[in-house]
Amino acid sequence: MGQSVKIHIQRIGVMVAIMFSALMAHAESIYDIADFYTVNKPESGTKAIGKYDKTIEVEYLLTPTRLNTGKYIVEVKKIGDNLYQIRDKNYQFRGRDICIETRFCHEWTSFSEEVVLIVDSNYGYTKGKLIFD
């Protein structure tokens, strides 16, 4: 085999290795948390009056709540624009149904993947992070 053929094979091998590593790289998606809520599911047919005197059927009632600071592994389900309900498998939140409001998070999920929830504070503009792997 000629020297130039060996060089071309080496270059192709390097290019394939670079492309493979790029495909295997997995970036995290990190979003700020705006607020925490306790989720209550009202009886079917519950209604509320929204802006401009519009009557709407209520699916979830969200009440502001506080969480202990820390890092948690949880499953989340998107229930609204920038709203994610937490499934607390390990009862880290004492059996409460918790919802978090994010900033500019558009991840679609339905309790099928684990995410990292970091609670830094219960006050301020940003209260923590939600990290999708």
N, C-alpha and C. Protein backbone atom coordinates (compact mmCIF):
# COMPACT_ATOMS: atom_id res chain seq x y z
N MET A 1 0.84 -1.17 0.00
CA MET A 1 0.00 0.00 0.00
C MET A 1 0.90 1.24 0.00
N GLY A 2 0.52 2.21 -0.80
CA GLY A 2 1.31 3.42 -0.92
C GLY A 2 1.17 4.31 0.30
N GLN A 3 2.14 5.18 0.48
CA GLN A 3 2.16 6.10 1.61
C GLN A 3 0.95 7.04 1.59
N SER A 4 0.54 7.55 0.42
CA SER A 4 -0.59 8.48 0.35
C SER A 4 -1.90 7.79 0.70
N VAL A 5 -2.02 6.49 0.36
CA VAL A 5 -3.24 5.75 0.71
C VAL A 5 -3.33 5.59 2.22
N LYS A 6 -2.22 5.29 2.88
CA LYS A 6 -2.19 5.16 4.33
C LYS A 6 -2.58 6.48 5.01
N ILE A 7 -2.09 7.59 4.48
CA ILE A 7 -2.41 8.90 5.05
C ILE A 7 -3.90 9.18 4.91
N HIS A 8 -4.48 8.87 3.75
CA HIS A 8 -5.93 9.09 3.55
C HIS A 8 -6.76 8.22 4.48
N ILE A 9 -6.34 6.98 4.68
CA ILE A 9 -7.06 6.08 5.60
C ILE A 9 -6.98 6.63 7.02
N GLN A 10 -5.83 7.13 7.43
CA GLN A 10 -5.68 7.71 8.76
C GLN A 10 -6.58 8.93 8.92
N ARG A 11 -6.62 9.79 7.91
CA ARG A 11 -7.47 10.98 7.97
C ARG A 11 -8.94 10.60 8.06
N ILE A 12 -9.34 9.62 7.28
CA ILE A 12 -10.74 9.15 7.34
C ILE A 12 -11.04 8.59 8.72
N GLY A 13 -10.10 7.85 9.29
CA GLY A 13 -10.30 7.31 10.64
C GLY A 13 -10.45 8.40 11.68
N VAL A 14 -9.65 9.45 11.59
CA VAL A 14 -9.74 10.57 12.52
C VAL A 14 -11.09 11.28 12.36
N MET A 15 -11.51 11.49 11.11
CA MET A 15 -12.80 12.15 10.87
C MET A 15 -13.96 11.33 11.42
N VAL A 16 -13.92 10.00 11.23
CA VAL A 16 -14.96 9.14 11.77
C VAL A 16 -14.97 9.20 13.29
N ALA A 17 -13.82 9.21 13.91
CA ALA A 17 -13.74 9.29 15.37
C ALA A 17 -14.31 10.61 15.87
N ILE A 18 -14.00 11.70 15.20
CA ILE A 18 -14.54 13.01 15.61
C ILE A 18 -16.04 13.04 15.46
N MET A 19 -16.56 12.54 14.35
CA MET A 19 -18.02 12.52 14.13
C MET A 19 -18.70 11.64 15.17
N PHE A 20 -18.14 10.50 15.50
CA PHE A 20 -18.73 9.60 16.48
C PHE A 20 -18.76 10.25 17.86
N SER A 21 -17.66 10.93 18.24
CA SER A 21 -17.63 11.58 19.56
C SER A 21 -18.62 12.73 19.62
N ALA A 22 -18.83 13.42 18.50
CA ALA A 22 -19.82 14.50 18.47
C ALA A 22 -21.22 13.95 18.64
N LEU A 23 -21.49 12.80 18.06
CA LEU A 23 -22.81 12.19 18.21
C LEU A 23 -23.03 11.69 19.63
N MET A 24 -21.98 11.25 20.29
CA MET A 24 -22.10 10.70 21.64
C MET A 24 -22.15 11.80 22.70
N ALA A 25 -21.71 13.01 22.35
CA ALA A 25 -21.74 14.11 23.32
C ALA A 25 -23.19 14.43 23.66
N HIS A 26 -23.44 14.66 24.91
CA HIS A 26 -24.81 14.90 25.36
C HIS A 26 -24.83 16.14 26.23
N ALA A 27 -25.45 17.17 25.77
CA ALA A 27 -25.47 18.43 26.52
C ALA A 27 -26.64 18.46 27.50
N GLU A 28 -26.41 19.07 28.62
CA GLU A 28 -27.47 19.27 29.60
C GLU A 28 -28.26 20.52 29.23
N SER A 29 -29.54 20.51 29.57
CA SER A 29 -30.38 21.69 29.42
C SER A 29 -30.71 22.16 30.83
N ILE A 30 -30.32 23.40 31.17
CA ILE A 30 -30.49 23.93 32.51
C ILE A 30 -31.44 25.13 32.45
N TYR A 31 -32.46 25.12 33.33
CA TYR A 31 -33.45 26.19 33.34
C TYR A 31 -33.61 26.74 34.75
N ASP A 32 -33.82 28.05 34.84
CA ASP A 32 -34.05 28.70 36.12
C ASP A 32 -35.46 28.40 36.63
N ILE A 33 -35.59 28.33 37.94
CA ILE A 33 -36.88 28.12 38.58
C ILE A 33 -37.39 29.46 39.11
N ALA A 34 -38.62 29.80 38.72
CA ALA A 34 -39.23 31.06 39.14
C ALA A 34 -39.97 30.90 40.46
N ASP A 35 -40.66 29.75 40.66
CA ASP A 35 -41.45 29.59 41.88
C ASP A 35 -41.83 28.13 42.10
N PHE A 36 -42.27 27.84 43.33
CA PHE A 36 -42.73 26.51 43.73
C PHE A 36 -44.19 26.60 44.14
N TYR A 37 -44.96 25.56 43.84
CA TYR A 37 -46.38 25.53 44.18
C TYR A 37 -46.78 24.15 44.68
N THR A 38 -47.79 24.13 45.56
CA THR A 38 -48.47 22.89 45.91
C THR A 38 -49.61 22.74 44.91
N VAL A 39 -49.78 21.52 44.37
CA VAL A 39 -50.80 21.26 43.36
C VAL A 39 -52.01 20.61 44.01
N ASN A 40 -53.17 21.18 43.74
CA ASN A 40 -54.43 20.58 44.18
C ASN A 40 -55.28 20.33 42.94
N LYS A 41 -55.84 19.16 42.84
CA LYS A 41 -56.70 18.81 41.71
C LYS A 41 -58.15 18.93 42.20
N PRO A 42 -58.88 19.96 41.72
CA PRO A 42 -60.27 20.15 42.18
C PRO A 42 -61.21 19.13 41.52
N GLU A 43 -62.42 19.08 42.05
CA GLU A 43 -63.43 18.19 41.47
C GLU A 43 -63.72 18.61 40.05
N SER A 44 -64.10 17.65 39.25
CA SER A 44 -64.47 17.92 37.86
C SER A 44 -65.59 18.95 37.81
N GLY A 45 -65.51 19.88 36.90
CA GLY A 45 -66.54 20.90 36.77
C GLY A 45 -66.26 22.17 37.54
N THR A 46 -65.14 22.20 38.33
CA THR A 46 -64.79 23.41 39.07
C THR A 46 -64.44 24.50 38.07
N LYS A 47 -64.97 25.69 38.31
CA LYS A 47 -64.72 26.82 37.41
C LYS A 47 -64.14 27.99 38.17
N ALA A 48 -63.53 28.90 37.41
CA ALA A 48 -62.96 30.13 37.97
C ALA A 48 -63.19 31.25 36.97
N ILE A 49 -63.08 32.45 37.47
CA ILE A 49 -63.20 33.60 36.60
C ILE A 49 -61.80 34.14 36.36
N GLY A 50 -61.42 34.21 35.09
CA GLY A 50 -60.11 34.70 34.72
C GLY A 50 -60.15 36.16 34.32
N LYS A 51 -59.11 36.60 33.64
CA LYS A 51 -59.05 37.98 33.18
C LYS A 51 -60.20 38.26 32.22
N TYR A 52 -60.63 39.48 32.21
CA TYR A 52 -61.68 39.95 31.30
C TYR A 52 -63.00 39.23 31.52
N ASP A 53 -63.27 38.81 32.77
CA ASP A 53 -64.52 38.16 33.16
C ASP A 53 -64.80 36.86 32.41
N LYS A 54 -63.77 36.18 31.96
CA LYS A 54 -63.93 34.90 31.25
C LYS A 54 -64.02 33.78 32.28
N THR A 55 -65.00 32.91 32.12
CA THR A 55 -65.13 31.74 32.98
C THR A 55 -64.31 30.60 32.37
N ILE A 56 -63.47 29.97 33.20
CA ILE A 56 -62.65 28.86 32.72
C ILE A 56 -62.83 27.65 33.64
N GLU A 57 -62.71 26.46 33.07
CA GLU A 57 -62.74 25.25 33.88
C GLU A 57 -61.34 25.04 34.45
N VAL A 58 -61.27 24.74 35.74
CA VAL A 58 -60.00 24.63 36.44
C VAL A 58 -59.55 23.18 36.46
N GLU A 59 -58.31 22.96 36.00
CA GLU A 59 -57.75 21.61 36.05
C GLU A 59 -56.84 21.44 37.27
N TYR A 60 -56.05 22.47 37.59
CA TYR A 60 -55.16 22.44 38.74
C TYR A 60 -55.27 23.76 39.49
N LEU A 61 -55.20 23.68 40.82
CA LEU A 61 -55.07 24.87 41.66
C LEU A 61 -53.64 24.88 42.19
N LEU A 62 -52.94 25.98 41.99
CA LEU A 62 -51.55 26.09 42.41
C LEU A 62 -51.43 27.11 43.53
N THR A 63 -50.91 26.67 44.67
CA THR A 63 -50.74 27.52 45.84
C THR A 63 -49.25 27.69 46.10
N PRO A 64 -48.74 28.92 46.24
CA PRO A 64 -47.31 29.10 46.51
C PRO A 64 -46.88 28.31 47.74
N THR A 65 -45.69 27.72 47.67
CA THR A 65 -45.15 26.93 48.78
C THR A 65 -43.65 27.11 48.85
N ARG A 66 -43.06 26.59 49.90
CA ARG A 66 -41.61 26.62 50.09
C ARG A 66 -41.09 25.20 50.13
N LEU A 67 -39.86 25.04 49.64
CA LEU A 67 -39.19 23.73 49.67
C LEU A 67 -37.87 23.86 50.42
N ASN A 68 -37.42 22.77 51.02
CA ASN A 68 -36.12 22.74 51.66
C ASN A 68 -35.05 22.85 50.59
N THR A 69 -33.99 23.63 50.87
CA THR A 69 -32.91 23.74 49.90
C THR A 69 -32.21 22.39 49.79
N GLY A 70 -31.67 22.14 48.61
CA GLY A 70 -30.98 20.89 48.38
C GLY A 70 -31.03 20.48 46.93
N LYS A 71 -30.47 19.32 46.66
CA LYS A 71 -30.42 18.75 45.32
C LYS A 71 -31.24 17.46 45.33
N TYR A 72 -32.18 17.35 44.40
CA TYR A 72 -33.10 16.21 44.36
C TYR A 72 -33.12 15.60 42.96
N ILE A 73 -33.29 14.29 42.91
CA ILE A 73 -33.54 13.59 41.65
C ILE A 73 -35.03 13.28 41.63
N VAL A 74 -35.74 13.84 40.64
CA VAL A 74 -37.19 13.69 40.56
C VAL A 74 -37.60 13.42 39.12
N GLU A 75 -38.83 13.03 38.94
CA GLU A 75 -39.43 12.92 37.61
C GLU A 75 -40.40 14.08 37.46
N VAL A 76 -40.50 14.64 36.26
CA VAL A 76 -41.38 15.78 36.03
C VAL A 76 -42.31 15.52 34.85
N LYS A 77 -43.45 16.19 34.90
CA LYS A 77 -44.45 16.12 33.83
C LYS A 77 -44.86 17.55 33.50
N LYS A 78 -44.82 17.91 32.23
CA LYS A 78 -45.23 19.25 31.81
C LYS A 78 -46.75 19.33 31.91
N ILE A 79 -47.25 20.32 32.69
CA ILE A 79 -48.71 20.48 32.82
C ILE A 79 -49.18 21.83 32.30
N GLY A 80 -48.25 22.66 31.87
CA GLY A 80 -48.61 23.97 31.34
C GLY A 80 -47.36 24.68 30.86
N ASP A 81 -47.55 25.88 30.32
CA ASP A 81 -46.44 26.67 29.84
C ASP A 81 -45.52 27.02 31.01
N ASN A 82 -44.29 26.51 30.99
CA ASN A 82 -43.30 26.71 32.05
C ASN A 82 -43.74 26.12 33.39
N LEU A 83 -44.65 25.15 33.39
CA LEU A 83 -45.10 24.50 34.63
C LEU A 83 -44.86 22.99 34.55
N TYR A 84 -44.17 22.48 35.59
CA TYR A 84 -43.83 21.06 35.64
C TYR A 84 -44.23 20.49 36.99
N GLN A 85 -45.02 19.42 36.97
CA GLN A 85 -45.40 18.74 38.20
C GLN A 85 -44.34 17.71 38.53
N ILE A 86 -43.99 17.61 39.80
CA ILE A 86 -42.95 16.68 40.25
C ILE A 86 -43.58 15.39 40.74
N ARG A 87 -43.04 14.28 40.32
CA ARG A 87 -43.39 13.00 40.94
C ARG A 87 -42.27 12.70 41.92
N ASP A 88 -42.65 12.63 43.17
CA ASP A 88 -41.71 12.49 44.28
C ASP A 88 -41.67 11.03 44.71
N LYS A 89 -40.86 10.22 44.04
CA LYS A 89 -40.78 8.79 44.32
C LYS A 89 -40.23 8.49 45.71
N ASN A 90 -39.36 9.37 46.21
CA ASN A 90 -38.68 9.11 47.47
C ASN A 90 -39.27 9.89 48.65
N TYR A 91 -40.43 10.49 48.46
CA TYR A 91 -41.12 11.25 49.51
C TYR A 91 -40.23 12.32 50.13
N GLN A 92 -39.42 12.98 49.28
CA GLN A 92 -38.54 14.04 49.76
C GLN A 92 -39.34 15.27 50.17
N PHE A 93 -40.56 15.39 49.64
CA PHE A 93 -41.39 16.57 49.91
C PHE A 93 -42.60 16.20 50.76
N ARG A 94 -42.44 15.17 51.58
CA ARG A 94 -43.46 14.73 52.54
C ARG A 94 -44.82 14.45 51.90
N GLY A 95 -44.80 13.83 50.73
CA GLY A 95 -46.05 13.42 50.10
C GLY A 95 -46.85 14.53 49.46
N ARG A 96 -46.31 15.76 49.43
CA ARG A 96 -47.03 16.87 48.80
C ARG A 96 -46.89 16.77 47.29
N ASP A 97 -47.95 17.17 46.56
CA ASP A 97 -47.84 17.31 45.12
C ASP A 97 -47.26 18.68 44.85
N ILE A 98 -46.09 18.72 44.20
CA ILE A 98 -45.36 19.96 43.98
C ILE A 98 -45.30 20.25 42.48
N CYS A 99 -45.40 21.54 42.17
CA CYS A 99 -45.25 22.02 40.80
C CYS A 99 -44.20 23.12 40.83
N ILE A 100 -43.37 23.16 39.79
CA ILE A 100 -42.40 24.24 39.70
C ILE A 100 -42.67 25.05 38.44
N GLU A 101 -42.47 26.35 38.59
CA GLU A 101 -42.59 27.25 37.44
C GLU A 101 -41.18 27.60 36.99
N THR A 102 -40.89 27.37 35.72
CA THR A 102 -39.57 27.64 35.18
C THR A 102 -39.57 28.93 34.37
N ARG A 103 -38.40 29.31 33.95
CA ARG A 103 -38.26 30.46 33.06
C ARG A 103 -37.75 29.96 31.71
N PHE A 104 -38.58 30.12 30.68
CA PHE A 104 -38.20 29.80 29.30
C PHE A 104 -37.84 28.34 29.09
N CYS A 105 -38.48 27.42 29.80
CA CYS A 105 -38.25 25.99 29.62
C CYS A 105 -39.36 25.43 28.74
N HIS A 106 -38.97 24.78 27.67
CA HIS A 106 -39.95 24.22 26.74
C HIS A 106 -39.73 22.72 26.53
N GLU A 107 -39.17 22.06 27.53
CA GLU A 107 -38.94 20.62 27.46
C GLU A 107 -40.29 19.90 27.59
N TRP A 108 -40.52 18.90 26.73
CA TRP A 108 -41.74 18.09 26.82
C TRP A 108 -41.39 16.80 27.53
N THR A 109 -42.09 16.53 28.61
CA THR A 109 -41.83 15.32 29.37
C THR A 109 -43.10 14.87 30.08
N SER A 110 -43.18 13.58 30.36
CA SER A 110 -44.37 13.04 31.02
C SER A 110 -44.00 11.95 32.02
N PHE A 111 -43.27 12.33 33.04
CA PHE A 111 -42.81 11.42 34.10
C PHE A 111 -41.97 10.26 33.54
N SER A 112 -41.36 10.45 32.37
CA SER A 112 -40.61 9.35 31.77
C SER A 112 -39.11 9.48 31.99
N GLU A 113 -38.65 10.62 32.44
CA GLU A 113 -37.22 10.78 32.66
C GLU A 113 -36.95 11.46 33.99
N GLU A 114 -35.80 11.11 34.56
CA GLU A 114 -35.40 11.74 35.81
C GLU A 114 -34.63 13.01 35.48
N VAL A 115 -34.85 14.03 36.30
CA VAL A 115 -34.16 15.31 36.16
C VAL A 115 -33.60 15.69 37.52
N VAL A 116 -32.69 16.64 37.51
CA VAL A 116 -32.11 17.15 38.75
C VAL A 116 -32.82 18.46 39.09
N LEU A 117 -33.31 18.54 40.30
CA LEU A 117 -33.94 19.75 40.82
C LEU A 117 -33.02 20.29 41.91
N ILE A 118 -32.55 21.51 41.72
CA ILE A 118 -31.71 22.16 42.72
C ILE A 118 -32.50 23.33 43.30
N VAL A 119 -32.76 23.28 44.60
CA VAL A 119 -33.46 24.35 45.30
C VAL A 119 -32.41 25.15 46.05
N ASP A 120 -32.19 26.40 45.59
CA ASP A 120 -31.21 27.27 46.22
C ASP A 120 -31.83 28.16 47.28
N SER A 121 -33.09 28.57 47.06
CA SER A 121 -33.72 29.56 47.93
C SER A 121 -35.23 29.52 47.72
N ASN A 122 -35.96 30.13 48.62
CA ASN A 122 -37.40 30.30 48.46
C ASN A 122 -37.74 31.76 48.20
N TYR A 123 -36.71 32.58 47.99
CA TYR A 123 -36.90 34.01 47.77
C TYR A 123 -36.07 34.45 46.57
N GLY A 124 -36.43 35.58 46.00
CA GLY A 124 -35.64 36.15 44.92
C GLY A 124 -36.17 35.80 43.54
N TYR A 125 -35.48 36.31 42.55
CA TYR A 125 -35.89 36.14 41.15
C TYR A 125 -35.71 34.70 40.70
N THR A 126 -34.60 34.08 41.07
CA THR A 126 -34.32 32.69 40.70
C THR A 126 -34.19 31.87 41.98
N LYS A 127 -34.99 30.81 42.07
CA LYS A 127 -35.02 30.00 43.30
C LYS A 127 -34.24 28.71 43.19
N GLY A 128 -33.77 28.41 41.97
CA GLY A 128 -33.02 27.18 41.78
C GLY A 128 -32.88 26.86 40.31
N LYS A 129 -32.59 25.59 40.04
CA LYS A 129 -32.37 25.12 38.66
C LYS A 129 -33.09 23.80 38.45
N LEU A 130 -33.52 23.59 37.21
CA LEU A 130 -34.05 22.30 36.76
C LEU A 130 -33.14 21.86 35.63
N ILE A 131 -32.55 20.67 35.78
CA ILE A 131 -31.54 20.21 34.83
C ILE A 131 -32.02 18.94 34.14
N PHE A 132 -32.20 19.03 32.84
CA PHE A 132 -32.56 17.87 32.01
C PHE A 132 -31.25 17.33 31.43
N ASP A 133 -31.08 16.02 31.47
CA ASP A 133 -29.85 15.41 30.98
C ASP A 133 -29.99 15.05 29.52
